[in-house]
Amino acid sequence: MTRSLMLISACLLIVLTMAAGAAPAKRADACTWGASSVVVEQVNGQYVESDPNTTGCIP
């Protein structure tokens, strides 16, 4: 009986540890990842920059 109780306790501890490790992280701050790019072309001898093209989460 004692061995079974110890085995069940150990299994429960392992399952709870894995569940806590797999929980998604909560972020309090705003999203700050993403990518931004611009294109620069030469038009009539002048360099012209396009508007930024953003992807991902940039606040």
C-alpha atoms as a PDB file:
ATOM      1  CA  MET A   1       0.000   0.000   0.000  1.00  0.00           C
ATOM      2  CA  THR A   2       2.787   2.414   0.906  1.00  0.00           C
ATOM      3  CA  ARG A   3       4.689   1.604  -2.270  1.00  0.00           C
ATOM      4  CA  SER A   4       1.564   2.239  -4.386  1.00  0.00           C
ATOM      5  CA  LEU A   5       0.920   5.546  -2.652  1.00  0.00           C
ATOM      6  CA  MET A   6       4.512   6.635  -3.243  1.00  0.00           C
ATOM      7  CA  LEU A   7       4.299   5.622  -6.911  1.00  0.00           C
ATOM      8  CA  ILE A   8       1.043   7.521  -7.401  1.00  0.00           C
ATOM      9  CA  SER A   9       2.492  10.566  -5.633  1.00  0.00           C
ATOM     10  CA  ALA A  10       5.612  10.471  -7.803  1.00  0.00           C
ATOM     11  CA  CYS A  11       3.541  10.184 -10.991  1.00  0.00           C
ATOM     12  CA  LEU A  12       1.320  13.066  -9.906  1.00  0.00           C
ATOM     13  CA  LEU A  13       4.357  15.206  -9.167  1.00  0.00           C
ATOM     14  CA  ILE A  14       5.832  14.455 -12.598  1.00  0.00           C
ATOM     15  CA  VAL A  15       2.558  15.241 -14.369  1.00  0.00           C
ATOM     16  CA  LEU A  16       2.129  18.524 -12.482  1.00  0.00           C
ATOM     17  CA  THR A  17       5.728  19.526 -13.193  1.00  0.00           C
ATOM     18  CA  MET A  18       5.280  18.838 -16.904  1.00  0.00           C
ATOM     19  CA  ALA A  19       1.967  20.718 -16.988  1.00  0.00           C
ATOM     20  CA  ALA A  20       3.519  23.754 -15.311  1.00  0.00           C
ATOM     21  CA  GLY A  21       6.443  23.702 -17.740  1.00  0.00           C
ATOM     22  CA  ALA A  22       4.163  23.464 -20.757  1.00  0.00           C
ATOM     23  CA  ALA A  23       1.901  26.347 -19.706  1.00  0.00           C
ATOM     24  CA  PRO A  24       2.153  29.301 -22.072  1.00  0.00           C
ATOM     25  CA  ALA A  25       4.012  32.301 -20.727  1.00  0.00           C
ATOM     26  CA  LYS A  26       1.923  35.377 -20.047  1.00  0.00           C
ATOM     27  CA  ARG A  27       3.414  38.671 -21.138  1.00  0.00           C
ATOM     28  CA  ALA A  28       2.472  41.837 -19.324  1.00  0.00           C
ATOM     29  CA  ASP A  29       4.109  44.178 -21.828  1.00  0.00           C
ATOM     30  CA  ALA A  30       3.054  44.924 -25.379  1.00  0.00           C
ATOM     31  CA  CYS A  31       4.255  42.757 -28.217  1.00  0.00           C
ATOM     32  CA  THR A  32       7.632  43.966 -29.507  1.00  0.00           C
ATOM     33  CA  TRP A  33       8.637  41.408 -32.131  1.00  0.00           C
ATOM     34  CA  GLY A  34       8.181  41.683 -35.880  1.00  0.00           C
ATOM     35  CA  ALA A  35       9.944  42.786 -38.993  1.00  0.00           C
ATOM     36  CA  SER A  36       9.974  45.989 -40.950  1.00  0.00           C
ATOM     37  CA  SER A  37      11.457  46.633 -44.355  1.00  0.00           C
ATOM     38  CA  VAL A  38      11.669  49.482 -46.863  1.00  0.00           C
ATOM     39  CA  VAL A  39      12.641  49.622 -50.507  1.00  0.00           C
ATOM     40  CA  VAL A  40      14.892  52.351 -51.882  1.00  0.00           C
ATOM     41  CA  GLU A  41      14.849  53.068 -55.603  1.00  0.00           C
ATOM     42  CA  GLN A  42      16.617  55.617 -57.702  1.00  0.00           C
ATOM     43  CA  VAL A  43      14.177  57.761 -59.654  1.00  0.00           C
ATOM     44  CA  ASN A  44      15.515  60.581 -61.895  1.00  0.00           C
ATOM     45  CA  GLY A  45      18.798  60.615 -59.991  1.00  0.00           C
ATOM     46  CA  GLN A  46      17.079  60.847 -56.581  1.00  0.00           C
ATOM     47  CA  TYR A  47      16.730  58.060 -54.051  1.00  0.00           C
ATOM     48  CA  VAL A  48      13.106  57.420 -53.103  1.00  0.00           C
ATOM     49  CA  GLU A  49      12.232  55.367 -50.026  1.00  0.00           C
ATOM     50  CA  SER A  50       8.985  53.401 -49.818  1.00  0.00           C
ATOM     51  CA  ASP A  51       6.709  53.284 -46.787  1.00  0.00           C
ATOM     52  CA  PRO A  52       7.689  50.643 -44.224  1.00  0.00           C
ATOM     53  CA  ASN A  53       6.204  47.205 -44.828  1.00  0.00           C
ATOM     54  CA  THR A  54       5.649  45.531 -41.452  1.00  0.00           C
ATOM     55  CA  THR A  55       4.867  41.930 -40.589  1.00  0.00           C
ATOM     56  CA  GLY A  56       4.285  40.300 -37.261  1.00  0.00           C
ATOM     57  CA  CYS A  57       3.336  42.097 -34.077  1.00  0.00           C
ATOM     58  CA  ILE A  58       4.790  45.603 -33.903  1.00  0.00           C
ATOM     59  CA  PRO A  59       2.777  47.905 -31.606  1.00  0.00           C
END
